[in-house]
Protein backbone atom coordinates (compact mmCIF):
# COMPACT_ATOMS: atom_id res chain seq x y z
CA MET A 1 0.00 0.00 0.00
CA MET A 2 1.40 3.41 -0.98
CA THR A 3 1.58 6.15 1.59
CA ALA A 4 0.90 9.74 0.64
CA HIS A 5 3.78 12.14 1.02
CA PRO A 6 2.93 15.42 2.68
CA ALA A 7 2.87 18.33 0.27
CA THR A 8 5.92 20.52 0.66
CA PRO A 9 5.76 24.18 -0.26
CA PRO A 10 7.64 25.06 -3.45
CA THR A 11 11.12 26.40 -2.85
CA HIS A 12 12.97 29.21 -4.60
CA GLU A 13 14.92 26.59 -6.60
CA ASP A 14 11.69 24.93 -7.72
CA ALA A 15 10.36 28.25 -9.01
CA ALA A 16 13.62 29.00 -10.82
CA LEU A 17 13.65 25.52 -12.36
CA ALA A 18 10.05 25.96 -13.53
CA ARG A 19 10.91 29.35 -15.11
CA ARG A 20 13.91 27.87 -16.94
CA ARG A 21 11.87 24.90 -18.12
CA ARG A 22 9.08 27.21 -19.33
CA GLY A 23 11.64 29.33 -21.17
CA ARG A 24 13.13 26.29 -22.88
CA ASN A 25 9.65 25.05 -23.83
CA ILE A 26 8.76 28.41 -25.37
CA ALA A 27 12.08 28.51 -27.26
CA MET A 28 11.50 24.97 -28.57
CA PHE A 29 7.97 25.88 -29.69
CA VAL A 30 9.24 28.98 -31.52
CA ALA A 31 11.99 26.97 -33.23
CA LEU A 32 9.59 24.21 -34.32
CA ALA A 33 7.00 26.72 -35.55
CA ALA A 34 9.68 28.58 -37.53
CA LEU A 35 10.85 25.30 -39.08
CA ALA A 36 7.28 24.34 -40.00
CA LEU A 37 6.72 27.77 -41.59
CA LEU A 38 9.99 27.44 -43.50
CA PHE A 39 8.96 24.03 -44.89
CA TYR A 40 5.53 25.42 -45.79
CA ALA A 41 7.08 28.39 -47.58
CA ILE A 42 9.47 26.15 -49.50
CA ALA A 43 6.59 23.90 -50.55
CA MET A 44 4.50 26.89 -51.71
CA VAL A 45 7.40 28.30 -53.73
CA LYS A 46 8.00 24.93 -55.39
CA LEU A 47 4.29 24.54 -56.16
CA ALA A 48 4.07 28.06 -57.58
CA HIS A 49 7.14 27.47 -59.74
CA HIS A 50 6.43 23.91 -60.96
CA GLY A 51 2.67 23.72 -60.56
CA PHE A 52 0.70 20.83 -59.11
CA GLY A 53 1.63 18.40 -61.90
CA GLY A 54 5.26 18.11 -60.86
């Protein structure tokens, strides 16, 4: 049987770690969104240049 651990209040280090993690997550999202937009733009340029028939 598992025992419940008492909830401990968040420490200053926990808050700093959460801020850093949130910052990394936002940076990763921005990088992935930029990459997706780049691929989309490349595809649109190729389609506009060569048409849908290849």
